[in-house]
């Protein structure tokens, strides 16, 4: 089944985070050549829940702290193994966030 992607900006980030779904995440991950694992889904769902609660994108530090509950002290390393081109470039995009303008691409 082909998922039709909602409107995105020039860099591929969703214009409206509310348009996100897990099917959209799968399609965006495929574009990034990422096969979503349980750890990916855990981080993506945490990011979505954080956004729903706070209406801002979770800082990578919060995602690392959350991931540490699963993988321990190597959580930062694990985050960058999951998203090798960076938290903003891949995790935020796959989670359906708008491109954070004030952050680096790391």
PDB file of N, CA and C in Angstrom:
ATOM      1  N   UNK A   1       0.832  -1.178   0.000  1.00  0.00           N
ATOM      2  CA  UNK A   1       0.000   0.000   0.000  1.00  0.00           C
ATOM      3  C   UNK A   1       0.879   1.244   0.000  1.00  0.00           C
ATOM      4  N   UNK A   2       0.617   2.173  -0.889  1.00  0.00           N
ATOM      5  CA  UNK A   2       1.367   3.410  -0.986  1.00  0.00           C
ATOM      6  C   UNK A   2       0.670   4.471  -0.140  1.00  0.00           C
ATOM      7  N   UNK A   3       1.439   5.099   0.738  1.00  0.00           N
ATOM      8  CA  UNK A   3       0.900   6.156   1.585  1.00  0.00           C
ATOM      9  C   UNK A   3       1.129   7.492   0.905  1.00  0.00           C
ATOM     10  N   UNK A   4       0.056   8.248   0.729  1.00  0.00           N
ATOM     11  CA  UNK A   4       0.190   9.585   0.161  1.00  0.00           C
ATOM     12  C   UNK A   4       0.642  10.524   1.267  1.00  0.00           C
ATOM     13  N   UNK A   5       1.761  11.196   1.032  1.00  0.00           N
ATOM     14  CA  UNK A   5       2.314  12.080   2.045  1.00  0.00           C
ATOM     15  C   UNK A   5       1.620  13.437   2.021  1.00  0.00           C
ATOM     16  N   UNK A   6       1.391  14.016   3.206  1.00  0.00           N
ATOM     17  CA  UNK A   6       0.797  15.351   3.265  1.00  0.00           C
ATOM     18  C   UNK A   6       1.802  16.406   2.813  1.00  0.00           C
ATOM     19  N   UNK A   7       1.356  17.645   2.772  1.00  0.00           N
ATOM     20  CA  UNK A   7       2.204  18.753   2.321  1.00  0.00           C
ATOM     21  C   UNK A   7       3.451  18.867   3.191  1.00  0.00           C
ATOM     22  N   UNK A   8       4.595  19.064   2.511  1.00  0.00           N
ATOM     23  CA  UNK A   8       5.881  19.190   3.203  1.00  0.00           C
ATOM     24  C   UNK A   8       6.618  20.424   2.717  1.00  0.00           C
ATOM     25  N   UNK A   9       7.595  20.863   3.519  1.00  0.00           N
ATOM     26  CA  UNK A   9       8.409  22.001   3.113  1.00  0.00           C
ATOM     27  C   UNK A   9       9.494  21.535   2.136  1.00  0.00           C
ATOM     28  N   UNK A  10      10.349  22.451   1.729  1.00  0.00           N
ATOM     29  CA  UNK A  10      11.379  22.143   0.735  1.00  0.00           C
ATOM     30  C   UNK A  10      12.379  21.096   1.225  1.00  0.00           C
ATOM     31  N   UNK A  11      12.500  20.942   2.548  1.00  0.00           N
ATOM     32  CA  UNK A  11      13.440  19.972   3.108  1.00  0.00           C
ATOM     33  C   UNK A  11      12.778  18.642   3.460  1.00  0.00           C
ATOM     34  N   UNK A  12      11.476  18.531   3.228  1.00  0.00           N
ATOM     35  CA  UNK A  12      10.775  17.275   3.454  1.00  0.00           C
ATOM     36  C   UNK A  12      10.080  17.135   4.789  1.00  0.00           C
ATOM     37  N   UNK A  13      10.084  18.193   5.604  1.00  0.00           N
ATOM     38  CA  UNK A  13       9.394  18.160   6.899  1.00  0.00           C
ATOM     39  C   UNK A  13       7.920  18.477   6.690  1.00  0.00           C
ATOM     40  N   UNK A  14       7.059  17.846   7.500  1.00  0.00           N
ATOM     41  CA  UNK A  14       5.630  18.131   7.399  1.00  0.00           C
ATOM     42  C   UNK A  14       5.357  19.594   7.716  1.00  0.00           C
ATOM     43  N   UNK A  15       4.439  20.190   6.975  1.00  0.00           N
ATOM     44  CA  UNK A  15       4.002  21.563   7.254  1.00  0.00           C
ATOM     45  C   UNK A  15       3.146  21.569   8.520  1.00  0.00           C
ATOM     46  N   UNK A  16       2.286  20.582   8.653  1.00  0.00           N
ATOM     47  CA  UNK A  16       1.386  20.471   9.806  1.00  0.00           C
ATOM     48  C   UNK A  16       1.674  19.176  10.559  1.00  0.00           C
ATOM     49  N   UNK A  17       2.258  19.263  11.767  1.00  0.00           N
ATOM     50  CA  UNK A  17       2.534  18.044  12.535  1.00  0.00           C
ATOM     51  C   UNK A  17       1.293  17.191  12.796  1.00  0.00           C
ATOM     52  N   UNK A  18       0.126  17.807  12.806  1.00  0.00           N
ATOM     53  CA  UNK A  18      -1.111  17.064  13.024  1.00  0.00           C
ATOM     54  C   UNK A  18      -1.459  16.113  11.892  1.00  0.00           C
ATOM     55  N   UNK A  19      -0.798  16.251  10.743  1.00  0.00           N
ATOM     56  CA  UNK A  19      -1.032  15.356   9.609  1.00  0.00           C
ATOM     57  C   UNK A  19      -0.309  14.016   9.762  1.00  0.00           C
ATOM     58  N   UNK A  20       0.520  13.887  10.792  1.00  0.00           N
ATOM     59  CA  UNK A  20       1.356  12.702  10.986  1.00  0.00           C
ATOM     60  C   UNK A  20       0.525  11.479  11.358  1.00  0.00           C
ATOM     61  N   UNK A  21       0.987  10.331  10.912  1.00  0.00           N
ATOM     62  CA  UNK A  21       0.452   9.032  11.333  1.00  0.00           C
ATOM     63  C   UNK A  21       1.616   8.046  11.294  1.00  0.00           C
ATOM     64  N   UNK A  22       1.397   6.867  11.826  1.00  0.00           N
ATOM     65  CA  UNK A  22       2.469   5.872  11.777  1.00  0.00           C
ATOM     66  C   UNK A  22       2.749   5.433  10.342  1.00  0.00           C
ATOM     67  N   UNK A  23       1.742   5.441   9.482  1.00  0.00           N
ATOM     68  CA  UNK A  23       1.981   5.136   8.066  1.00  0.00           C
ATOM     69  C   UNK A  23       2.850   6.214   7.424  1.00  0.00           C
ATOM     70  N   UNK A  24       2.594   7.470   7.783  1.00  0.00           N
ATOM     71  CA  UNK A  24       3.426   8.576   7.278  1.00  0.00           C
ATOM     72  C   UNK A  24       4.860   8.376   7.767  1.00  0.00           C
ATOM     73  N   UNK A  25       5.020   8.014   9.037  1.00  0.00           N
ATOM     74  CA  UNK A  25       6.361   7.780   9.588  1.00  0.00           C
ATOM     75  C   UNK A  25       7.091   6.695   8.805  1.00  0.00           C
ATOM     76  N   UNK A  26       6.395   5.626   8.477  1.00  0.00           N
ATOM     77  CA  UNK A  26       7.025   4.548   7.701  1.00  0.00           C
ATOM     78  C   UNK A  26       7.502   5.060   6.341  1.00  0.00           C
ATOM     79  N   UNK A  27       6.675   5.868   5.694  1.00  0.00           N
ATOM     80  CA  UNK A  27       7.041   6.406   4.377  1.00  0.00           C
ATOM     81  C   UNK A  27       8.227   7.362   4.489  1.00  0.00           C
ATOM     82  N   UNK A  28       8.221   8.227   5.506  1.00  0.00           N
ATOM     83  CA  UNK A  28       9.330   9.165   5.697  1.00  0.00           C
ATOM     84  C   UNK A  28      10.613   8.414   6.046  1.00  0.00           C
ATOM     85  N   UNK A  29      10.499   7.384   6.872  1.00  0.00           N
ATOM     86  CA  UNK A  29      11.671   6.581   7.228  1.00  0.00           C
ATOM     87  C   UNK A  29      12.245   5.889   5.996  1.00  0.00           C
ATOM     88  N   UNK A  30      11.370   5.396   5.137  1.00  0.00           N
ATOM     89  CA  UNK A  30      11.835   4.747   3.908  1.00  0.00           C
ATOM     90  C   UNK A  30      12.630   5.738   3.060  1.00  0.00           C
ATOM     91  N   UNK A  31      12.169   6.984   2.979  1.00  0.00           N
ATOM     92  CA  UNK A  31      12.917   8.010   2.234  1.00  0.00           C
ATOM     93  C   UNK A  31      14.303   8.236   2.830  1.00  0.00           C
ATOM     94  N   UNK A  32      14.422   8.061   4.143  1.00  0.00           N
ATOM     95  CA  UNK A  32      15.702   8.250   4.838  1.00  0.00           C
ATOM     96  C   UNK A  32      16.516   6.955   4.896  1.00  0.00           C
ATOM     97  N   UNK A  33      16.010   5.900   4.253  1.00  0.00           N
ATOM     98  CA  UNK A  33      16.669   4.583   4.271  1.00  0.00           C
ATOM     99  C   UNK A  33      16.817   4.031   5.685  1.00  0.00           C
ATOM    100  N   UNK A  34      15.764   4.222   6.484  1.00  0.00           N
ATOM    101  CA  UNK A  34      15.737   3.712   7.849  1.00  0.00           C
ATOM    102  C   UNK A  34      14.615   2.692   7.963  1.00  0.00           C
ATOM    103  N   UNK A  35      14.961   1.505   8.448  1.00  0.00           N
ATOM    104  CA  UNK A  35      13.961   0.486   8.752  1.00  0.00           C
ATOM    105  C   UNK A  35      13.607   0.641  10.226  1.00  0.00           C
ATOM    106  N   UNK A  36      12.363   0.976  10.502  1.00  0.00           N
ATOM    107  CA  UNK A  36      11.956   1.310  11.861  1.00  0.00           C
ATOM    108  C   UNK A  36      11.923   0.077  12.767  1.00  0.00           C
ATOM    109  N   UNK A  37      12.676   0.163  13.860  1.00  0.00           N
ATOM    110  CA  UNK A  37      12.742  -0.891  14.879  1.00  0.00           C
ATOM    111  C   UNK A  37      11.887  -0.477  16.082  1.00  0.00           C
ATOM    112  N   UNK A  38      11.818  -1.352  17.075  1.00  0.00           N
ATOM    113  CA  UNK A  38      11.098  -1.009  18.303  1.00  0.00           C
ATOM    114  C   UNK A  38      11.689   0.237  18.961  1.00  0.00           C
ATOM    115  N   UNK A  39      13.015   0.377  18.937  1.00  0.00           N
ATOM    116  CA  UNK A  39      13.643   1.566  19.527  1.00  0.00           C
ATOM    117  C   UNK A  39      13.279   2.830  18.753  1.00  0.00           C
ATOM    118  N   UNK A  40      13.209   2.734  17.426  1.00  0.00           N
ATOM    119  CA  UNK A  40      12.752   3.886  16.641  1.00  0.00           C
ATOM    120  C   UNK A  40      11.340   4.277  17.064  1.00  0.00           C
ATOM    121  N   UNK A  41      10.443   3.286  17.094  1.00  0.00           N
ATOM    122  CA  UNK A  41       9.049   3.580  17.447  1.00  0.00           C
ATOM    123  C   UNK A  41       8.946   4.165  18.848  1.00  0.00           C
ATOM    124  N   UNK A  42       9.758   3.664  19.771  1.00  0.00           N
ATOM    125  CA  UNK A  42       9.740   4.198  21.130  1.00  0.00           C
ATOM    126  C   UNK A  42      10.104   5.680  21.128  1.00  0.00           C
ATOM    127  N   UNK A  43      11.158   6.039  20.409  1.00  0.00           N
ATOM    128  CA  UNK A  43      11.561   7.448  20.377  1.00  0.00           C
ATOM    129  C   UNK A  43      10.528   8.295  19.637  1.00  0.00           C
ATOM    130  N   UNK A  44      10.021   7.803  18.530  1.00  0.00           N
ATOM    131  CA  UNK A  44       9.041   8.571  17.759  1.00  0.00           C
ATOM    132  C   UNK A  44       7.760   8.803  18.555  1.00  0.00           C
ATOM    133  N   UNK A  45       7.286   7.787  19.237  1.00  0.00           N
ATOM    134  CA  UNK A  45       6.059   7.945  20.044  1.00  0.00           C
ATOM    135  C   UNK A  45       6.299   8.885  21.220  1.00  0.00           C
ATOM    136  N   UNK A  46       7.485   8.807  21.830  1.00  0.00           N
ATOM    137  CA  UNK A  46       7.818   9.746  22.902  1.00  0.00           C
ATOM    138  C   UNK A  46       7.800  11.178  22.367  1.00  0.00           C
ATOM    139  N   UNK A  47       8.428  11.389  21.208  1.00  0.00           N
ATOM    140  CA  UNK A  47       8.466  12.729  20.611  1.00  0.00           C
ATOM    141  C   UNK A  47       7.063  13.239  20.315  1.00  0.00           C
ATOM    142  N   UNK A  48       6.212  12.379  19.784  1.00  0.00           N
ATOM    143  CA  UNK A  48       4.831  12.776  19.471  1.00  0.00           C
ATOM    144  C   UNK A  48       4.056  13.102  20.748  1.00  0.00           C
ATOM    145  N   UNK A  49       4.204  12.270  21.775  1.00  0.00           N
ATOM    146  CA  UNK A  49       3.516  12.528  23.043  1.00  0.00           C
ATOM    147  C   UNK A  49       3.996  13.838  23.659  1.00  0.00           C
ATOM    148  N   UNK A  50       5.304  14.074  23.604  1.00  0.00           N
ATOM    149  CA  UNK A  50       5.870  15.311  24.141  1.00  0.00           C
ATOM    150  C   UNK A  50       5.296  16.510  23.384  1.00  0.00           C
ATOM    151  N   UNK A  51       5.258  16.409  22.070  1.00  0.00           N
ATOM    152  CA  UNK A  51       4.709  17.495  21.257  1.00  0.00           C
ATOM    153  C   UNK A  51       3.236  17.728  21.582  1.00  0.00           C
ATOM    154  N   UNK A  52       2.467  16.656  21.692  1.00  0.00           N
ATOM    155  CA  UNK A  52       1.039  16.793  22.008  1.00  0.00           C
ATOM    156  C   UNK A  52       0.832  17.482  23.352  1.00  0.00           C
ATOM    157  N   UNK A  53       1.696  17.181  24.317  1.00  0.00           N
ATOM    158  CA  UNK A  53       1.554  17.752  25.657  1.00  0.00           C
ATOM    159  C   UNK A  53       2.059  19.192  25.747  1.00  0.00           C
ATOM    160  N   UNK A  54       3.179  19.493  25.081  1.00  0.00           N
ATOM    161  CA  UNK A  54       3.846  20.790  25.245  1.00  0.00           C
ATOM    162  C   UNK A  54       3.740  21.721  24.036  1.00  0.00           C
ATOM    163  N   UNK A  55       3.326  21.194  22.902  1.00  0.00           N
ATOM    164  CA  UNK A  55       3.230  21.956  21.649  1.00  0.00           C
ATOM    165  C   UNK A  55       4.577  22.504  21.174  1.00  0.00           C
ATOM    166  N   UNK A  56       5.651  21.848  21.590  1.00  0.00           N
ATOM    167  CA  UNK A  56       7.000  22.138  21.097  1.00  0.00           C
ATOM    168  C   UNK A  56       7.702  20.802  20.862  1.00  0.00           C
ATOM    169  N   UNK A  57       8.727  20.839  20.056  1.00  0.00           N
ATOM    170  CA  UNK A  57       9.508  19.641  19.768  1.00  0.00           C
ATOM    171  C   UNK A  57      10.377  19.304  20.974  1.00  0.00           C
ATOM    172  N   UNK A  58      10.432  18.046  21.325  1.00  0.00           N
ATOM    173  CA  UNK A  58      11.283  17.606  22.437  1.00  0.00           C
ATOM    174  C   UNK A  58      12.747  17.813  22.082  1.00  0.00           C
ATOM    175  N   UNK A  59      13.476  18.445  22.982  1.00  0.00           N
ATOM    176  CA  UNK A  59      14.913  18.582  22.834  1.00  0.00           C
ATOM    177  C   UNK A  59      15.524  17.179  22.836  1.00  0.00           C
ATOM    178  N   UNK A  60      16.589  17.005  22.105  1.00  0.00           N
ATOM    179  CA  UNK A  60      17.246  15.694  22.032  1.00  0.00           C
ATOM    180  C   UNK A  60      17.608  15.167  23.418  1.00  0.00           C
ATOM    181  N   UNK A  61      17.933  16.064  24.357  1.00  0.00           N
ATOM    182  CA  UNK A  61      18.283  15.624  25.716  1.00  0.00           C
ATOM    183  C   UNK A  61      17.140  14.866  26.375  1.00  0.00           C
ATOM    184  N   UNK A  62      15.892  15.319  26.121  1.00  0.00           N
ATOM    185  CA  UNK A  62      14.737  14.638  26.708  1.00  0.00           C
ATOM    186  C   UNK A  62      14.535  13.261  26.072  1.00  0.00           C
ATOM    187  N   UNK A  63      14.778  13.182  24.787  1.00  0.00           N
ATOM    188  CA  UNK A  63      14.647  11.901  24.089  1.00  0.00           C
ATOM    189  C   UNK A  63      15.731  10.937  24.576  1.00  0.00           C
ATOM    190  N   UNK A  64      16.937  11.445  24.778  1.00  0.00           N
ATOM    191  CA  UNK A  64      18.032  10.612  25.289  1.00  0.00           C
ATOM    192  C   UNK A  64      17.690  10.105  26.687  1.00  0.00           C
ATOM    193  N   UNK A  65      17.166  10.982  27.535  1.00  0.00           N
ATOM    194  CA  UNK A  65      16.782  10.570  28.891  1.00  0.00           C
ATOM    195  C   UNK A  65      15.708   9.480  28.831  1.00  0.00           C
ATOM    196  N   UNK A  66      14.733   9.661  27.952  1.00  0.00           N
ATOM    197  CA  UNK A  66      13.687   8.649  27.789  1.00  0.00           C
ATOM    198  C   UNK A  66      14.279   7.334  27.274  1.00  0.00           C
ATOM    199  N   UNK A  67      15.127   7.419  26.271  1.00  0.00           N
ATOM    200  CA  UNK A  67      15.737   6.226  25.688  1.00  0.00           C
ATOM    201  C   UNK A  67      16.616   5.498  26.708  1.00  0.00           C
ATOM    202  N   UNK A  68      17.214   6.241  27.636  1.00  0.00           N
ATOM    203  CA  UNK A  68      18.067   5.638  28.665  1.00  0.00           C
ATOM    204  C   UNK A  68      17.291   4.659  29.538  1.00  0.00           C
ATOM    205  N   UNK A  69      15.991   4.859  29.655  1.00  0.00           N
ATOM    206  CA  UNK A  69      15.174   3.922  30.424  1.00  0.00           C
ATOM    207  C   UNK A  69      15.179   2.535  29.778  1.00  0.00           C
ATOM    208  N   UNK A  70      15.382   2.483  28.474  1.00  0.00           N
ATOM    209  CA  UNK A  70      15.416   1.200  27.746  1.00  0.00           C
ATOM    210  C   UNK A  70      16.827   0.660  27.582  1.00  0.00           C
ATOM    211  N   UNK A  71      17.777   1.550  27.276  1.00  0.00           N
ATOM    212  CA  UNK A  71      19.111   1.077  26.880  1.00  0.00           C
ATOM    213  C   UNK A  71      20.222   1.463  27.848  1.00  0.00           C
ATOM    214  N   UNK A  72      19.905   2.224  28.887  1.00  0.00           N
ATOM    215  CA  UNK A  72      20.916   2.588  29.875  1.00  0.00           C
ATOM    216  C   UNK A  72      21.800   3.739  29.446  1.00  0.00           C
ATOM    217  N   UNK A  73      23.035   3.705  29.946  1.00  0.00           N
ATOM    218  CA  UNK A  73      23.937   4.848  29.798  1.00  0.00           C
ATOM    219  C   UNK A  73      24.376   5.110  28.360  1.00  0.00           C
ATOM    220  N   UNK A  74      24.168   4.190  27.464  1.00  0.00           N
ATOM    221  CA  UNK A  74      24.562   4.377  26.064  1.00  0.00           C
ATOM    222  C   UNK A  74      23.456   5.012  25.223  1.00  0.00           C
ATOM    223  N   UNK A  75      22.512   5.677  25.873  1.00  0.00           N
ATOM    224  CA  UNK A  75      21.346   6.211  25.164  1.00  0.00           C
ATOM    225  C   UNK A  75      21.718   7.245  24.103  1.00  0.00           C
ATOM    226  N   UNK A  76      22.669   8.121  24.399  1.00  0.00           N
ATOM    227  CA  UNK A  76      23.047   9.129  23.405  1.00  0.00           C
ATOM    228  C   UNK A  76      23.636   8.455  22.172  1.00  0.00           C
ATOM    229  N   UNK A  77      24.519   7.509  22.400  1.00  0.00           N
ATOM    230  CA  UNK A  77      25.111   6.765  21.281  1.00  0.00           C
ATOM    231  C   UNK A  77      24.013   6.047  20.491  1.00  0.00           C
ATOM    232  N   UNK A  78      23.076   5.438  21.215  1.00  0.00           N
ATOM    233  CA  UNK A  78      21.985   4.706  20.570  1.00  0.00           C
ATOM    234  C   UNK A  78      21.133   5.631  19.716  1.00  0.00           C
ATOM    235  N   UNK A  79      20.837   6.849  20.216  1.00  0.00           N
ATOM    236  CA  UNK A  79      20.021   7.789  19.444  1.00  0.00           C
ATOM    237  C   UNK A  79      20.672   8.073  18.093  1.00  0.00           C
ATOM    238  N   UNK A  80      21.991   8.244  18.093  1.00  0.00           N
ATOM    239  CA  UNK A  80      22.666   8.556  16.836  1.00  0.00           C
ATOM    240  C   UNK A  80      22.938   7.318  15.989  1.00  0.00           C
ATOM    241  N   UNK A  81      22.811   6.138  16.575  1.00  0.00           N
ATOM    242  CA  UNK A  81      22.795   4.919  15.758  1.00  0.00           C
ATOM    243  C   UNK A  81      21.443   4.782  15.058  1.00  0.00           C
ATOM    244  N   UNK A  82      20.378   5.132  15.775  1.00  0.00           N
ATOM    245  CA  UNK A  82      19.035   5.053  15.199  1.00  0.00           C
ATOM    246  C   UNK A  82      18.860   6.056  14.065  1.00  0.00           C
ATOM    247  N   UNK A  83      19.414   7.254  14.263  1.00  0.00           N
ATOM    248  CA  UNK A  83      19.260   8.351  13.299  1.00  0.00           C
ATOM    249  C   UNK A  83      20.657   8.881  12.955  1.00  0.00           C
ATOM    250  N   UNK A  84      21.386   8.168  12.094  1.00  0.00           N
ATOM    251  CA  UNK A  84      22.793   8.483  11.853  1.00  0.00           C
ATOM    252  C   UNK A  84      23.058   9.863  11.257  1.00  0.00           C
ATOM    253  N   UNK A  85      22.068  10.460  10.607  1.00  0.00           N
ATOM    254  CA  UNK A  85      22.270  11.797  10.056  1.00  0.00           C
ATOM    255  C   UNK A  85      21.756  12.882  10.990  1.00  0.00           C
ATOM    256  N   UNK A  86      21.422  12.498  12.223  1.00  0.00           N
ATOM    257  CA  UNK A  86      21.097  13.474  13.247  1.00  0.00           C
ATOM    258  C   UNK A  86      19.650  13.488  13.690  1.00  0.00           C
ATOM    259  N   UNK A  87      19.487  13.978  14.907  1.00  0.00           N
ATOM    260  CA  UNK A  87      18.172  14.063  15.535  1.00  0.00           C
ATOM    261  C   UNK A  87      17.224  14.940  14.728  1.00  0.00           C
ATOM    262  N   UNK A  88      17.680  16.131  14.350  1.00  0.00           N
ATOM    263  CA  UNK A  88      16.811  17.047  13.603  1.00  0.00           C
ATOM    264  C   UNK A  88      16.572  16.528  12.196  1.00  0.00           C
ATOM    265  N   UNK A  89      17.623  16.137  11.518  1.00  0.00           N
ATOM    266  CA  UNK A  89      17.522  15.730  10.111  1.00  0.00           C
ATOM    267  C   UNK A  89      16.638  14.507   9.925  1.00  0.00           C
ATOM    268  N   UNK A  90      16.701  13.565  10.848  1.00  0.00           N
ATOM    269  CA  UNK A  90      15.947  12.332  10.647  1.00  0.00           C
ATOM    270  C   UNK A  90      14.858  12.099  11.685  1.00  0.00           C
ATOM    271  N   UNK A  91      15.176  12.152  12.968  1.00  0.00           N
ATOM    272  CA  UNK A  91      14.161  11.843  13.985  1.00  0.00           C
ATOM    273  C   UNK A  91      13.007  12.835  13.933  1.00  0.00           C
ATOM    274  N   UNK A  92      13.319  14.125  13.911  1.00  0.00           N
ATOM    275  CA  UNK A  92      12.248  15.131  13.879  1.00  0.00           C
ATOM    276  C   UNK A  92      11.418  15.004  12.605  1.00  0.00           C
ATOM    277  N   UNK A  93      12.082  14.746  11.504  1.00  0.00           N
ATOM    278  CA  UNK A  93      11.360  14.608  10.236  1.00  0.00           C
ATOM    279  C   UNK A  93      10.425  13.399  10.257  1.00  0.00           C
ATOM    280  N   UNK A  94      10.931  12.251  10.677  1.00  0.00           N
ATOM    281  CA  UNK A  94      10.122  11.029  10.693  1.00  0.00           C
ATOM    282  C   UNK A  94       8.986  11.137  11.707  1.00  0.00           C
ATOM    283  N   UNK A  95       9.215  11.875  12.801  1.00  0.00           N
ATOM    284  CA  UNK A  95       8.181  12.075  13.824  1.00  0.00           C
ATOM    285  C   UNK A  95       7.132  13.094  13.389  1.00  0.00           C
ATOM    286  N   UNK A  96       7.317  13.682  12.212  1.00  0.00           N
ATOM    287  CA  UNK A  96       6.315  14.593  11.678  1.00  0.00           C
ATOM    288  C   UNK A  96       6.386  16.003  12.219  1.00  0.00           C
ATOM    289  N   UNK A  97       7.541  16.384  12.743  1.00  0.00           N
ATOM    290  CA  UNK A  97       7.711  17.733  13.273  1.00  0.00           C
ATOM    291  C   UNK A  97       8.050  18.712  12.152  1.00  0.00           C
ATOM    292  N   UNK A  98       7.750  19.977  12.393  1.00  0.00           N
ATOM    293  CA  UNK A  98       8.260  21.018  11.495  1.00  0.00           C
ATOM    294  C   UNK A  98       9.767  21.113  11.709  1.00  0.00           C
ATOM    295  N   UNK A  99      10.473  21.612  10.718  1.00  0.00           N
ATOM    296  CA  UNK A  99      11.926  21.790  10.831  1.00  0.00           C
ATOM    297  C   UNK A  99      12.211  22.821  11.911  1.00  0.00           C
ATOM    298  N   UNK A 100      12.941  22.424  12.978  1.00  0.00           N
ATOM    299  CA  UNK A 100      13.310  23.407  14.001  1.00  0.00           C
ATOM    300  C   UNK A 100      14.296  24.407  13.409  1.00  0.00           C
ATOM    301  N   UNK A 101      13.926  25.653  13.328  1.00  0.00           N
ATOM    302  CA  UNK A 101      14.757  26.657  12.655  1.00  0.00           C
ATOM    303  C   UNK A 101      15.943  27.124  13.480  1.00  0.00           C
ATOM    304  N   UNK A 102      15.856  27.035  14.792  1.00  0.00           N
ATOM    305  CA  UNK A 102      16.929  27.556  15.632  1.00  0.00           C
ATOM    306  C   UNK A 102      17.989  26.511  15.964  1.00  0.00           C
ATOM    307  N   UNK A 103      17.797  25.259  15.520  1.00  0.00           N
ATOM    308  CA  UNK A 103      18.730  24.199  15.864  1.00  0.00           C
ATOM    309  C   UNK A 103      19.666  23.919  14.714  1.00  0.00           C
ATOM    310  N   UNK A 104      20.812  23.354  15.070  1.00  0.00           N
ATOM    311  CA  UNK A 104      21.709  22.870  14.023  1.00  0.00           C
ATOM    312  C   UNK A 104      21.087  21.610  13.426  1.00  0.00           C
ATOM    313  N   UNK A 105      21.698  21.092  12.397  1.00  0.00           N
ATOM    314  CA  UNK A 105      21.147  19.900  11.749  1.00  0.00           C
ATOM    315  C   UNK A 105      21.564  18.624  12.455  1.00  0.00           C
ATOM    316  N   UNK A 106      22.296  18.707  13.542  1.00  0.00           N
ATOM    317  CA  UNK A 106      22.775  17.526  14.261  1.00  0.00           C
ATOM    318  C   UNK A 106      21.726  16.832  15.058  1.00  0.00           C
TER     319      UNK A 106
END
